[in-house]
Amino acid sequence: MSGIEFYQTVQGKRFFEGTLPNLVKNLEALNESVKTLNANIEKQNELLDRQNNLLWDNLPKEAKGQKVLDRIMNTDVNNSALNNKNTAKEIKDKLLAPKNNLLKQKLEEEADREDYEEERDR
């Protein structure tokens, strides 16, 4: 190729002085956004793990054994649901429902006990 190179043209100058730096700047901003998003997802997952552990710890021993069996029996359902977020969420909700209900019941019992103690002390 003889003559003028791309970088020597008006279009080349616009590209290298404007378009390319803008592209790099936007890619850097996108990269930072992805990092922030990943950090937030990691924090959310840690909180969910802590909540699940708390719920599991408060579950009666008999219910824990039954939940383990239920999870084993539903393995195929869980595996096929990985491709469908809604179905996976429904399965997760069903697995966690007894834990959530138990925790809710314990919190309600504690609130009732506090109310009773307040009335008794009056």
PDB file of N, CA and C in Angstrom:
ATOM      1  N   MET A   1       0.846  -1.173   0.000  1.00  0.00           N
ATOM      2  CA  MET A   1       0.000   0.000   0.000  1.00  0.00           C
ATOM      3  C   MET A   1       0.894   1.239   0.000  1.00  0.00           C
ATOM      4  N   SER A   2       0.695   2.051  -0.955  1.00  0.00           N
ATOM      5  CA  SER A   2       1.523   3.249  -1.046  1.00  0.00           C
ATOM      6  C   SER A   2       0.672   4.473  -0.731  1.00  0.00           C
ATOM      7  N   GLY A   3       1.325   5.491  -0.305  1.00  0.00           N
ATOM      8  CA  GLY A   3       0.594   6.720  -0.066  1.00  0.00           C
ATOM      9  C   GLY A   3       0.285   6.937   1.396  1.00  0.00           C
ATOM     10  N   ILE A   4      -0.934   7.402   1.648  1.00  0.00           N
ATOM     11  CA  ILE A   4      -1.350   7.808   2.989  1.00  0.00           C
ATOM     12  C   ILE A   4      -1.826   6.589   3.794  1.00  0.00           C
ATOM     13  N   GLU A   5      -1.361   6.502   5.037  1.00  0.00           N
ATOM     14  CA  GLU A   5      -1.806   5.465   5.967  1.00  0.00           C
ATOM     15  C   GLU A   5      -3.089   5.943   6.655  1.00  0.00           C
ATOM     16  N   PHE A   6      -3.850   4.995   7.225  1.00  0.00           N
ATOM     17  CA  PHE A   6      -5.136   5.321   7.874  1.00  0.00           C
ATOM     18  C   PHE A   6      -4.963   6.358   8.973  1.00  0.00           C
ATOM     19  N   TYR A   7      -3.931   6.177   9.791  1.00  0.00           N
ATOM     20  CA  TYR A   7      -3.749   7.109  10.908  1.00  0.00           C
ATOM     21  C   TYR A   7      -3.444   8.536  10.437  1.00  0.00           C
ATOM     22  N   GLN A   8      -3.059   8.676   9.170  1.00  0.00           N
ATOM     23  CA  GLN A   8      -2.743   9.993   8.629  1.00  0.00           C
ATOM     24  C   GLN A   8      -3.972  10.708   8.062  1.00  0.00           C
ATOM     25  N   THR A   9      -5.092   9.989   7.946  1.00  0.00           N
ATOM     26  CA  THR A   9      -6.303  10.587   7.393  1.00  0.00           C
ATOM     27  C   THR A   9      -7.114  11.271   8.485  1.00  0.00           C
ATOM     28  N   VAL A  10      -8.090  12.102   8.070  1.00  0.00           N
ATOM     29  CA  VAL A  10      -8.988  12.762   9.034  1.00  0.00           C
ATOM     30  C   VAL A  10      -9.774  11.707   9.807  1.00  0.00           C
ATOM     31  N   GLN A  11     -10.263  10.710   9.100  1.00  0.00           N
ATOM     32  CA  GLN A  11     -11.023   9.639   9.770  1.00  0.00           C
ATOM     33  C   GLN A  11     -10.129   8.871  10.740  1.00  0.00           C
ATOM     34  N   GLY A  12      -8.897   8.597  10.337  1.00  0.00           N
ATOM     35  CA  GLY A  12      -7.949   7.897  11.209  1.00  0.00           C
ATOM     36  C   GLY A  12      -7.633   8.708  12.443  1.00  0.00           C
ATOM     37  N   LYS A  13      -7.450  10.018  12.249  1.00  0.00           N
ATOM     38  CA  LYS A  13      -7.168  10.895  13.386  1.00  0.00           C
ATOM     39  C   LYS A  13      -8.348  10.895  14.366  1.00  0.00           C
ATOM     40  N   ARG A  14      -9.585  10.989  13.852  1.00  0.00           N
ATOM     41  CA  ARG A  14     -10.785  10.929  14.717  1.00  0.00           C
ATOM     42  C   ARG A  14     -10.840   9.603  15.473  1.00  0.00           C
ATOM     43  N   PHE A  15     -10.527   8.528  14.746  1.00  0.00           N
ATOM     44  CA  PHE A  15     -10.591   7.198  15.370  1.00  0.00           C
ATOM     45  C   PHE A  15      -9.589   7.085  16.516  1.00  0.00           C
ATOM     46  N   PHE A  16      -8.325   7.421  16.257  1.00  0.00           N
ATOM     47  CA  PHE A  16      -7.282   7.238  17.262  1.00  0.00           C
ATOM     48  C   PHE A  16      -7.312   8.275  18.376  1.00  0.00           C
ATOM     49  N   GLU A  17      -7.841   9.463  18.101  1.00  0.00           N
ATOM     50  CA  GLU A  17      -7.882  10.503  19.131  1.00  0.00           C
ATOM     51  C   GLU A  17      -9.226  10.576  19.851  1.00  0.00           C
ATOM     52  N   GLY A  18     -10.262  10.023  19.268  1.00  0.00           N
ATOM     53  CA  GLY A  18     -11.588  10.132  19.880  1.00  0.00           C
ATOM     54  C   GLY A  18     -12.251   8.794  20.137  1.00  0.00           C
ATOM     55  N   THR A  19     -12.499   8.063  19.056  1.00  0.00           N
ATOM     56  CA  THR A  19     -13.263   6.819  19.177  1.00  0.00           C
ATOM     57  C   THR A  19     -12.533   5.785  20.036  1.00  0.00           C
ATOM     58  N   LEU A  20     -11.278   5.531  19.757  1.00  0.00           N
ATOM     59  CA  LEU A  20     -10.528   4.500  20.484  1.00  0.00           C
ATOM     60  C   LEU A  20     -10.383   4.823  21.974  1.00  0.00           C
ATOM     61  N   PRO A  21      -9.992   6.054  22.351  1.00  0.00           N
ATOM     62  CA  PRO A  21      -9.930   6.364  23.789  1.00  0.00           C
ATOM     63  C   PRO A  21     -11.298   6.244  24.475  1.00  0.00           C
ATOM     64  N   ASN A  22     -12.369   6.662  23.777  1.00  0.00           N
ATOM     65  CA  ASN A  22     -13.720   6.506  24.338  1.00  0.00           C
ATOM     66  C   ASN A  22     -14.056   5.040  24.547  1.00  0.00           C
ATOM     67  N   LEU A  23     -13.697   4.229  23.593  1.00  0.00           N
ATOM     68  CA  LEU A  23     -13.955   2.794  23.688  1.00  0.00           C
ATOM     69  C   LEU A  23     -13.227   2.203  24.887  1.00  0.00           C
ATOM     70  N   VAL A  24     -11.971   2.548  25.064  1.00  0.00           N
ATOM     71  CA  VAL A  24     -11.192   2.056  26.201  1.00  0.00           C
ATOM     72  C   VAL A  24     -11.802   2.534  27.512  1.00  0.00           C
ATOM     73  N   LYS A  25     -12.170   3.814  27.568  1.00  0.00           N
ATOM     74  CA  LYS A  25     -12.775   4.375  28.784  1.00  0.00           C
ATOM     75  C   LYS A  25     -14.071   3.644  29.138  1.00  0.00           C
ATOM     76  N   ASN A  26     -14.914   3.389  28.142  1.00  0.00           N
ATOM     77  CA  ASN A  26     -16.176   2.688  28.385  1.00  0.00           C
ATOM     78  C   ASN A  26     -15.952   1.237  28.794  1.00  0.00           C
ATOM     79  N   LEU A  27     -14.947   0.597  28.219  1.00  0.00           N
ATOM     80  CA  LEU A  27     -14.628  -0.780  28.631  1.00  0.00           C
ATOM     81  C   LEU A  27     -14.143  -0.820  30.080  1.00  0.00           C
ATOM     82  N   GLU A  28     -13.350   0.161  30.472  1.00  0.00           N
ATOM     83  CA  GLU A  28     -12.887   0.224  31.859  1.00  0.00           C
ATOM     84  C   GLU A  28     -14.065   0.442  32.811  1.00  0.00           C
ATOM     85  N   ALA A  29     -14.986   1.320  32.435  1.00  0.00           N
ATOM     86  CA  ALA A  29     -16.172   1.564  33.268  1.00  0.00           C
ATOM     87  C   ALA A  29     -17.030   0.307  33.359  1.00  0.00           C
ATOM     88  N   LEU A  30     -17.180  -0.381  32.248  1.00  0.00           N
ATOM     89  CA  LEU A  30     -17.949  -1.627  32.238  1.00  0.00           C
ATOM     90  C   LEU A  30     -17.287  -2.666  33.132  1.00  0.00           C
ATOM     91  N   ASN A  31     -15.975  -2.759  33.066  1.00  0.00           N
ATOM     92  CA  ASN A  31     -15.237  -3.698  33.901  1.00  0.00           C
ATOM     93  C   ASN A  31     -15.454  -3.394  35.384  1.00  0.00           C
ATOM     94  N   GLU A  32     -15.416  -2.126  35.767  1.00  0.00           N
ATOM     95  CA  GLU A  32     -15.663  -1.735  37.157  1.00  0.00           C
ATOM     96  C   GLU A  32     -17.092  -2.089  37.579  1.00  0.00           C
ATOM     97  N   SER A  33     -18.043  -1.885  36.680  1.00  0.00           N
ATOM     98  CA  SER A  33     -19.436  -2.225  36.990  1.00  0.00           C
ATOM     99  C   SER A  33     -19.593  -3.720  37.224  1.00  0.00           C
ATOM    100  N   VAL A  34     -18.938  -4.514  36.416  1.00  0.00           N
ATOM    101  CA  VAL A  34     -19.009  -5.970  36.570  1.00  0.00           C
ATOM    102  C   VAL A  34     -18.364  -6.387  37.894  1.00  0.00           C
ATOM    103  N   LYS A  35     -17.236  -5.758  38.248  1.00  0.00           N
ATOM    104  CA  LYS A  35     -16.587  -6.066  39.524  1.00  0.00           C
ATOM    105  C   LYS A  35     -17.518  -5.753  40.695  1.00  0.00           C
ATOM    106  N   THR A  36     -18.167  -4.599  40.631  1.00  0.00           N
ATOM    107  CA  THR A  36     -19.099  -4.202  41.691  1.00  0.00           C
ATOM    108  C   THR A  36     -20.273  -5.168  41.766  1.00  0.00           C
ATOM    109  N   LEU A  37     -20.805  -5.525  40.621  1.00  0.00           N
ATOM    110  CA  LEU A  37     -21.916  -6.466  40.570  1.00  0.00           C
ATOM    111  C   LEU A  37     -21.512  -7.808  41.168  1.00  0.00           C
ATOM    112  N   ASN A  38     -20.347  -8.301  40.811  1.00  0.00           N
ATOM    113  CA  ASN A  38     -19.867  -9.572  41.354  1.00  0.00           C
ATOM    114  C   ASN A  38     -19.682  -9.502  42.866  1.00  0.00           C
ATOM    115  N   ALA A  39     -19.147  -8.382  43.354  1.00  0.00           N
ATOM    116  CA  ALA A  39     -18.969  -8.215  44.796  1.00  0.00           C
ATOM    117  C   ALA A  39     -20.319  -8.217  45.508  1.00  0.00           C
ATOM    118  N   ASN A  40     -21.310  -7.534  44.933  1.00  0.00           N
ATOM    119  CA  ASN A  40     -22.646  -7.501  45.532  1.00  0.00           C
ATOM    120  C   ASN A  40     -23.299  -8.876  45.522  1.00  0.00           C
ATOM    121  N   ILE A  41     -23.117  -9.612  44.440  1.00  0.00           N
ATOM    122  CA  ILE A  41     -23.675 -10.968  44.364  1.00  0.00           C
ATOM    123  C   ILE A  41     -23.015 -11.857  45.410  1.00  0.00           C
ATOM    124  N   GLU A  42     -21.715 -11.728  45.575  1.00  0.00           N
ATOM    125  CA  GLU A  42     -20.992 -12.528  46.576  1.00  0.00           C
ATOM    126  C   GLU A  42     -21.503 -12.220  47.984  1.00  0.00           C
ATOM    127  N   LYS A  43     -21.699 -10.925  48.289  1.00  0.00           N
ATOM    128  CA  LYS A  43     -22.240 -10.545  49.599  1.00  0.00           C
ATOM    129  C   LYS A  43     -23.631 -11.128  49.805  1.00  0.00           C
ATOM    130  N   GLN A  44     -24.463 -11.050  48.762  1.00  0.00           N
ATOM    131  CA  GLN A  44     -25.821 -11.582  48.859  1.00  0.00           C
ATOM    132  C   GLN A  44     -25.788 -13.094  49.090  1.00  0.00           C
ATOM    133  N   ASN A  45     -24.904 -13.790  48.399  1.00  0.00           N
ATOM    134  CA  ASN A  45     -24.786 -15.234  48.577  1.00  0.00           C
ATOM    135  C   ASN A  45     -24.325 -15.579  49.985  1.00  0.00           C
ATOM    136  N   GLU A  46     -23.388 -14.790  50.529  1.00  0.00           N
ATOM    137  CA  GLU A  46     -22.936 -15.026  51.899  1.00  0.00           C
ATOM    138  C   GLU A  46     -24.083 -14.837  52.888  1.00  0.00           C
ATOM    139  N   LEU A  47     -24.885 -13.790  52.690  1.00  0.00           N
ATOM    140  CA  LEU A  47     -26.029 -13.557  53.574  1.00  0.00           C
ATOM    141  C   LEU A  47     -27.043 -14.690  53.481  1.00  0.00           C
ATOM    142  N   LEU A  48     -27.303 -15.153  52.263  1.00  0.00           N
ATOM    143  CA  LEU A  48     -28.238 -16.271  52.089  1.00  0.00           C
ATOM    144  C   LEU A  48     -27.706 -17.536  52.739  1.00  0.00           C
ATOM    145  N   ASP A  49     -26.400 -17.777  52.616  1.00  0.00           N
ATOM    146  CA  ASP A  49     -25.807 -18.945  53.267  1.00  0.00           C
ATOM    147  C   ASP A  49     -25.952 -18.861  54.781  1.00  0.00           C
ATOM    148  N   ARG A  50     -25.690 -17.661  55.328  1.00  0.00           N
ATOM    149  CA  ARG A  50     -25.844 -17.501  56.782  1.00  0.00           C
ATOM    150  C   ARG A  50     -27.291 -17.720  57.210  1.00  0.00           C
ATOM    151  N   GLN A  51     -28.233 -17.189  56.427  1.00  0.00           N
ATOM    152  CA  GLN A  51     -29.653 -17.367  56.745  1.00  0.00           C
ATOM    153  C   GLN A  51     -30.027 -18.836  56.674  1.00  0.00           C
ATOM    154  N   ASN A  52     -29.583 -19.517  55.629  1.00  0.00           N
ATOM    155  CA  ASN A  52     -29.892 -20.939  55.491  1.00  0.00           C
ATOM    156  C   ASN A  52     -29.293 -21.751  56.632  1.00  0.00           C
ATOM    157  N   ASN A  53     -28.067 -21.410  57.033  1.00  0.00           N
ATOM    158  CA  ASN A  53     -27.441 -22.120  58.151  1.00  0.00           C
ATOM    159  C   ASN A  53     -28.192 -21.880  59.444  1.00  0.00           C
ATOM    160  N   LEU A  54     -28.619 -20.650  59.663  1.00  0.00           N
ATOM    161  CA  LEU A  54     -29.391 -20.333  60.867  1.00  0.00           C
ATOM    162  C   LEU A  54     -30.705 -21.109  60.875  1.00  0.00           C
ATOM    163  N   LEU A  55     -31.378 -21.121  59.732  1.00  0.00           N
ATOM    164  CA  LEU A  55     -32.639 -21.855  59.636  1.00  0.00           C
ATOM    165  C   LEU A  55     -32.403 -23.347  59.851  1.00  0.00           C
ATOM    166  N   TRP A  56     -31.354 -23.875  59.253  1.00  0.00           N
ATOM    167  CA  TRP A  56     -31.053 -25.302  59.377  1.00  0.00           C
ATOM    168  C   TRP A  56     -30.725 -25.650  60.825  1.00  0.00           C
ATOM    169  N   ASP A  57     -29.964 -24.794  61.497  1.00  0.00           N
ATOM    170  CA  ASP A  57     -29.595 -25.051  62.888  1.00  0.00           C
ATOM    171  C   ASP A  57     -30.817 -25.077  63.802  1.00  0.00           C
ATOM    172  N   ASN A  58     -31.851 -24.314  63.463  1.00  0.00           N
ATOM    173  CA  ASN A  58     -33.055 -24.257  64.291  1.00  0.00           C
ATOM    174  C   ASN A  58     -34.092 -25.315  63.926  1.00  0.00           C
ATOM    175  N   LEU A  59     -33.802 -26.107  62.909  1.00  0.00           N
ATOM    176  CA  LEU A  59     -34.725 -27.146  62.482  1.00  0.00           C
ATOM    177  C   LEU A  59     -34.594 -28.362  63.403  1.00  0.00           C
ATOM    178  N   PRO A  60     -35.711 -28.959  63.843  1.00  0.00           N
ATOM    179  CA  PRO A  60     -35.618 -30.149  64.688  1.00  0.00           C
ATOM    180  C   PRO A  60     -34.876 -31.281  63.976  1.00  0.00           C
ATOM    181  N   LYS A  61     -34.247 -32.141  64.773  1.00  0.00           N
ATOM    182  CA  LYS A  61     -33.424 -33.226  64.240  1.00  0.00           C
ATOM    183  C   LYS A  61     -34.213 -34.108  63.266  1.00  0.00           C
ATOM    184  N   GLU A  62     -35.459 -34.433  63.605  1.00  0.00           N
ATOM    185  CA  GLU A  62     -36.265 -35.303  62.745  1.00  0.00           C
ATOM    186  C   GLU A  62     -36.523 -34.639  61.391  1.00  0.00           C
ATOM    187  N   ALA A  63     -36.766 -33.333  61.421  1.00  0.00           N
ATOM    188  CA  ALA A  63     -37.038 -32.610  60.176  1.00  0.00           C
ATOM    189  C   ALA A  63     -35.789 -32.546  59.303  1.00  0.00           C
ATOM    190  N   LYS A  64     -34.608 -32.441  59.932  1.00  0.00           N
ATOM    191  CA  LYS A  64     -33.363 -32.407  59.164  1.00  0.00           C
ATOM    192  C   LYS A  64     -33.191 -33.706  58.380  1.00  0.00           C
ATOM    193  N   GLY A  65     -33.432 -34.835  59.043  1.00  0.00           N
ATOM    194  CA  GLY A  65     -33.309 -36.122  58.362  1.00  0.00           C
ATOM    195  C   GLY A  65     -34.273 -36.228  57.196  1.00  0.00           C
ATOM    196  N   GLN A  66     -35.497 -35.780  57.400  1.00  0.00           N
ATOM    197  CA  GLN A  66     -36.498 -35.819  56.326  1.00  0.00           C
ATOM    198  C   GLN A  66     -36.100 -34.900  55.182  1.00  0.00           C
ATOM    199  N   LYS A  67     -35.558 -33.730  55.488  1.00  0.00           N
ATOM    200  CA  LYS A  67     -35.150 -32.795  54.441  1.00  0.00           C
ATOM    201  C   LYS A  67     -34.008 -33.372  53.607  1.00  0.00           C
ATOM    202  N   VAL A  68     -33.076 -34.063  54.259  1.00  0.00           N
ATOM    203  CA  VAL A  68     -31.980 -34.684  53.513  1.00  0.00           C
ATOM    204  C   VAL A  68     -32.532 -35.720  52.551  1.00  0.00           C
ATOM    205  N   LEU A  69     -33.464 -36.546  53.021  1.00  0.00           N
ATOM    206  CA  LEU A  69     -34.077 -37.547  52.147  1.00  0.00           C
ATOM    207  C   LEU A  69     -34.840 -36.882  51.004  1.00  0.00           C
ATOM    208  N   ASP A  70     -35.578 -35.841  51.319  1.00  0.00           N
ATOM    209  CA  ASP A  70     -36.324 -35.128  50.276  1.00  0.00           C
ATOM    210  C   ASP A  70     -35.380 -34.574  49.218  1.00  0.00           C
ATOM    211  N   ARG A  71     -34.247 -34.024  49.657  1.00  0.00           N
ATOM    212  CA  ARG A  71     -33.292 -33.470  48.698  1.00  0.00           C
ATOM    213  C   ARG A  71     -32.698 -34.565  47.817  1.00  0.00           C
ATOM    214  N   ILE A  72     -32.398 -35.701  48.405  1.00  0.00           N
ATOM    215  CA  ILE A  72     -31.858 -36.817  47.617  1.00  0.00           C
ATOM    216  C   ILE A  72     -32.889 -37.279  46.598  1.00  0.00           C
ATOM    217  N   MET A  73     -34.135 -37.399  47.017  1.00  0.00           N
ATOM    218  CA  MET A  73     -35.184 -37.873  46.119  1.00  0.00           C
ATOM    219  C   MET A  73     -35.460 -36.861  44.999  1.00  0.00           C
ATOM    220  N   ASN A  74     -35.225 -35.583  45.259  1.00  0.00           N
ATOM    221  CA  ASN A  74     -35.520 -34.541  44.275  1.00  0.00           C
ATOM    222  C   ASN A  74     -34.288 -34.113  43.481  1.00  0.00           C
ATOM    223  N   THR A  75     -33.214 -34.868  43.524  1.00  0.00           N
ATOM    224  CA  THR A  75     -31.982 -34.488  42.830  1.00  0.00           C
ATOM    225  C   THR A  75     -32.220 -34.288  41.343  1.00  0.00           C
ATOM    226  N   ASP A  76     -32.944 -35.215  40.704  1.00  0.00           N
ATOM    227  CA  ASP A  76     -33.207 -35.075  39.275  1.00  0.00           C
ATOM    228  C   ASP A  76     -33.999 -33.812  38.990  1.00  0.00           C
ATOM    229  N   VAL A  77     -34.958 -33.507  39.846  1.00  0.00           N
ATOM    230  CA  VAL A  77     -35.756 -32.300  39.658  1.00  0.00           C
ATOM    231  C   VAL A  77     -34.863 -31.078  39.778  1.00  0.00           C
ATOM    232  N   ASN A  78     -33.981 -31.078  40.787  1.00  0.00           N
ATOM    233  CA  ASN A  78     -33.085 -29.939  40.977  1.00  0.00           C
ATOM    234  C   ASN A  78     -32.141 -29.782  39.790  1.00  0.00           C
ATOM    235  N   ASN A  79     -31.583 -30.881  39.302  1.00  0.00           N
ATOM    236  CA  ASN A  79     -30.643 -30.799  38.187  1.00  0.00           C
ATOM    237  C   ASN A  79     -31.324 -30.296  36.922  1.00  0.00           C
ATOM    238  N   SER A  80     -32.515 -30.777  36.633  1.00  0.00           N
ATOM    239  CA  SER A  80     -33.190 -30.321  35.418  1.00  0.00           C
ATOM    240  C   SER A  80     -33.671 -28.883  35.561  1.00  0.00           C
ATOM    241  N   ALA A  81     -33.841 -28.433  36.783  1.00  0.00           N
ATOM    242  CA  ALA A  81     -34.333 -27.068  37.008  1.00  0.00           C
ATOM    243  C   ALA A  81     -33.245 -26.028  36.868  1.00  0.00           C
ATOM    244  N   LEU A  82     -31.990 -26.438  36.814  1.00  0.00           N
ATOM    245  CA  LEU A  82     -30.917 -25.465  36.721  1.00  0.00           C
ATOM    246  C   LEU A  82     -31.020 -24.617  35.460  1.00  0.00           C
ATOM    247  N   ASN A  83     -31.646 -25.156  34.430  1.00  0.00           N
ATOM    248  CA  ASN A  83     -31.798 -24.399  33.192  1.00  0.00           C
ATOM    249  C   ASN A  83     -32.993 -23.463  33.237  1.00  0.00           C
ATOM    250  N   ASN A  84     -33.809 -23.599  34.251  1.00  0.00           N
ATOM    251  CA  ASN A  84     -34.993 -22.766  34.352  1.00  0.00           C
ATOM    252  C   ASN A  84     -34.986 -22.074  35.710  1.00  0.00           C
ATOM    253  N   LYS A  85     -34.634 -20.787  35.751  1.00  0.00           N
ATOM    254  CA  LYS A  85     -34.481 -20.092  37.021  1.00  0.00           C
ATOM    255  C   LYS A  85     -35.760 -20.092  37.842  1.00  0.00           C
ATOM    256  N   ASN A  86     -36.907 -19.934  37.181  1.00  0.00           N
ATOM    257  CA  ASN A  86     -38.161 -19.895  37.931  1.00  0.00           C
ATOM    258  C   ASN A  86     -38.427 -21.224  38.613  1.00  0.00           C
ATOM    259  N   THR A  87     -38.214 -22.319  37.903  1.00  0.00           N
ATOM    260  CA  THR A  87     -38.440 -23.627  38.501  1.00  0.00           C
ATOM    261  C   THR A  87     -37.460 -23.865  39.633  1.00  0.00           C
ATOM    262  N   ALA A  88     -36.210 -23.481  39.446  1.00  0.00           N
ATOM    263  CA  ALA A  88     -35.207 -23.648  40.498  1.00  0.00           C
ATOM    264  C   ALA A  88     -35.596 -22.829  41.725  1.00  0.00           C
ATOM    265  N   LYS A  89     -36.101 -21.623  41.508  1.00  0.00           N
ATOM    266  CA  LYS A  89     -36.524 -20.791  42.635  1.00  0.00           C
ATOM    267  C   LYS A  89     -37.704 -21.429  43.356  1.00  0.00           C
ATOM    268  N   GLU A  90     -38.646 -21.981  42.607  1.00  0.00           N
ATOM    269  CA  GLU A  90     -39.792 -22.646  43.221  1.00  0.00           C
ATOM    270  C   GLU A  90     -39.332 -23.819  44.076  1.00  0.00           C
ATOM    271  N   ILE A  91     -38.398 -24.598  43.563  1.00  0.00           N
ATOM    272  CA  ILE A  91     -37.889 -25.746  44.317  1.00  0.00           C
ATOM    273  C   ILE A  91     -37.178 -25.263  45.572  1.00  0.00           C
ATOM    274  N   LYS A  92     -36.364 -24.230  45.444  1.00  0.00           N
ATOM    275  CA  LYS A  92     -35.666 -23.682  46.600  1.00  0.00           C
ATOM    276  C   LYS A  92     -36.664 -23.192  47.638  1.00  0.00           C
ATOM    277  N   ASP A  93     -37.700 -22.480  47.167  1.00  0.00           N
ATOM    278  CA  ASP A  93     -38.722 -21.990  48.096  1.00  0.00           C
ATOM    279  C   ASP A  93     -39.407 -23.144  48.819  1.00  0.00           C
ATOM    280  N   LYS A  94     -39.684 -24.227  48.086  1.00  0.00           N
ATOM    281  CA  LYS A  94     -40.324 -25.385  48.721  1.00  0.00           C
ATOM    282  C   LYS A  94     -39.405 -26.027  49.744  1.00  0.00           C
ATOM    283  N   LEU A  95     -38.102 -26.096  49.432  1.00  0.00           N
ATOM    284  CA  LEU A  95     -37.158 -26.684  50.378  1.00  0.00           C
ATOM    285  C   LEU A  95     -36.983 -25.812  51.610  1.00  0.00           C
ATOM    286  N   LEU A  96     -37.036 -24.501  51.423  1.00  0.00           N
ATOM    287  CA  LEU A  96     -36.809 -23.589  52.538  1.00  0.00           C
ATOM    288  C   LEU A  96     -38.082 -23.244  53.294  1.00  0.00           C
ATOM    289  N   ALA A  97     -39.237 -23.541  52.734  1.00  0.00           N
ATOM    290  CA  ALA A  97     -40.503 -23.165  53.365  1.00  0.00           C
ATOM    291  C   ALA A  97     -40.606 -23.692  54.795  1.00  0.00           C
ATOM    292  N   PRO A  98     -40.313 -24.977  55.049  1.00  0.00           N
ATOM    293  CA  PRO A  98     -40.412 -25.447  56.438  1.00  0.00           C
ATOM    294  C   PRO A  98     -39.455 -24.705  57.367  1.00  0.00           C
ATOM    295  N   LYS A  99     -38.242 -24.410  56.888  1.00  0.00           N
ATOM    296  CA  LYS A  99     -37.290 -23.670  57.718  1.00  0.00           C
ATOM    297  C   LYS A  99     -37.807 -22.267  57.986  1.00  0.00           C
ATOM    298  N   ASN A 100     -38.308 -21.603  56.941  1.00  0.00           N
ATOM    299  CA  ASN A 100     -38.821 -20.244  57.112  1.00  0.00           C
ATOM    300  C   ASN A 100     -40.027 -20.238  58.041  1.00  0.00           C
ATOM    301  N   ASN A 101     -40.917 -21.228  57.904  1.00  0.00           N
ATOM    302  CA  ASN A 101     -42.085 -21.306  58.770  1.00  0.00           C
ATOM    303  C   ASN A 101     -41.668 -21.552  60.213  1.00  0.00           C
ATOM    304  N   LEU A 102     -40.676 -22.418  60.415  1.00  0.00           N
ATOM    305  CA  LEU A 102     -40.206 -22.699  61.760  1.00  0.00           C
ATOM    306  C   LEU A 102     -39.589 -21.452  62.386  1.00  0.00           C
ATOM    307  N   LEU A 103     -38.778 -20.738  61.618  1.00  0.00           N
ATOM    308  CA  LEU A 103     -38.162 -19.525  62.125  1.00  0.00           C
ATOM    309  C   LEU A 103     -39.233 -18.479  62.443  1.00  0.00           C
ATOM    310  N   LYS A 104     -40.205 -18.340  61.539  1.00  0.00           N
ATOM    311  CA  LYS A 104     -41.296 -17.396  61.775  1.00  0.00           C
ATOM    312  C   LYS A 104     -42.059 -17.777  63.045  1.00  0.00           C
ATOM    313  N   GLN A 105     -42.314 -19.082  63.220  1.00  0.00           N
ATOM    314  CA  GLN A 105     -43.026 -19.557  64.398  1.00  0.00           C
ATOM    315  C   GLN A 105     -42.217 -19.250  65.659  1.00  0.00           C
ATOM    316  N   LYS A 106     -40.907 -19.487  65.624  1.00  0.00           N
ATOM    317  CA  LYS A 106     -40.068 -19.213  66.792  1.00  0.00           C
ATOM    318  C   LYS A 106     -40.070 -17.721  67.126  1.00  0.00           C
ATOM    319  N   LEU A 107     -39.999 -16.878  66.094  1.00  0.00           N
ATOM    320  CA  LEU A 107     -40.028 -15.440  66.327  1.00  0.00           C
ATOM    321  C   LEU A 107     -41.366 -15.002  66.912  1.00  0.00           C
ATOM    322  N   GLU A 108     -42.468 -15.577  66.408  1.00  0.00           N
ATOM    323  CA  GLU A 108     -43.787 -15.249  66.938  1.00  0.00           C
ATOM    324  C   GLU A 108     -43.913 -15.707  68.387  1.00  0.00           C
ATOM    325  N   GLU A 109     -43.409 -16.912  68.689  1.00  0.00           N
ATOM    326  CA  GLU A 109     -43.457 -17.410  70.066  1.00  0.00           C
ATOM    327  C   GLU A 109     -42.672 -16.496  71.000  1.00  0.00           C
ATOM    328  N   GLU A 110     -41.493 -16.059  70.531  1.00  0.00           N
ATOM    329  CA  GLU A 110     -40.677 -15.174  71.345  1.00  0.00           C
ATOM    330  C   GLU A 110     -41.389 -13.844  71.580  1.00  0.00           C
ATOM    331  N   ALA A 111     -42.028 -13.296  70.541  1.00  0.00           N
ATOM    332  CA  ALA A 111     -42.772 -12.041  70.689  1.00  0.00           C
ATOM    333  C   ALA A 111     -43.948 -12.230  71.650  1.00  0.00           C
ATOM    334  N   ASP A 112     -44.658 -13.356  71.530  1.00  0.00           N
ATOM    335  CA  ASP A 112     -45.769 -13.638  72.442  1.00  0.00           C
ATOM    336  C   ASP A 112     -45.267 -13.747  73.878  1.00  0.00           C
ATOM    337  N   ARG A 113     -44.122 -14.416  74.065  1.00  0.00           N
ATOM    338  CA  ARG A 113     -43.563 -14.578  75.401  1.00  0.00           C
ATOM    339  C   ARG A 113     -43.182 -13.217  75.974  1.00  0.00           C
ATOM    340  N   GLU A 114     -42.600 -12.342  75.162  1.00  0.00           N
ATOM    341  CA  GLU A 114     -42.232 -11.005  75.630  1.00  0.00           C
ATOM    342  C   GLU A 114     -43.481 -10.204  75.998  1.00  0.00           C
ATOM    343  N   ASP A 115     -44.537 -10.314  75.174  1.00  0.00           N
ATOM    344  CA  ASP A 115     -45.790  -9.625  75.478  1.00  0.00           C
ATOM    345  C   ASP A 115     -46.368 -10.131  76.800  1.00  0.00           C
ATOM    346  N   TYR A 116     -46.350 -11.451  76.983  1.00  0.00           N
ATOM    347  CA  TYR A 116     -46.871 -12.042  78.208  1.00  0.00           C
ATOM    348  C   TYR A 116     -46.085 -11.542  79.420  1.00  0.00           C
ATOM    349  N   GLU A 117     -44.770 -11.526  79.302  1.00  0.00           N
ATOM    350  CA  GLU A 117     -43.940 -11.075  80.406  1.00  0.00           C
ATOM    351  C   GLU A 117     -44.161  -9.612  80.731  1.00  0.00           C
ATOM    352  N   GLU A 118     -44.373  -8.781  79.712  1.00  0.00           N
ATOM    353  CA  GLU A 118     -44.656  -7.369  79.924  1.00  0.00           C
ATOM    354  C   GLU A 118     -45.977  -7.198  80.677  1.00  0.00           C
ATOM    355  N   GLU A 119     -47.005  -7.942  80.258  1.00  0.00           N
ATOM    356  CA  GLU A 119     -48.321  -7.853  80.922  1.00  0.00           C
ATOM    357  C   GLU A 119     -48.232  -8.362  82.351  1.00  0.00           C
ATOM    358  N   ARG A 120     -47.460  -9.428  82.548  1.00  0.00           N
ATOM    359  CA  ARG A 120     -47.322 -10.016  83.877  1.00  0.00           C
ATOM    360  C   ARG A 120     -46.632  -9.046  84.824  1.00  0.00           C
ATOM    361  N   ASP A 121     -45.657  -8.320  84.304  1.00  0.00           N
ATOM    362  CA  ASP A 121     -44.890  -7.392  85.136  1.00  0.00           C
ATOM    363  C   ASP A 121     -45.679  -6.146  85.515  1.00  0.00           C
ATOM    364  N   ARG A 122     -46.779  -5.867  84.802  1.00  0.00           N
ATOM    365  CA  ARG A 122     -47.569  -4.659  85.087  1.00  0.00           C
ATOM    366  C   ARG A 122     -48.337  -4.773  86.336  1.00  0.00           C
TER     367      ARG A 122
END
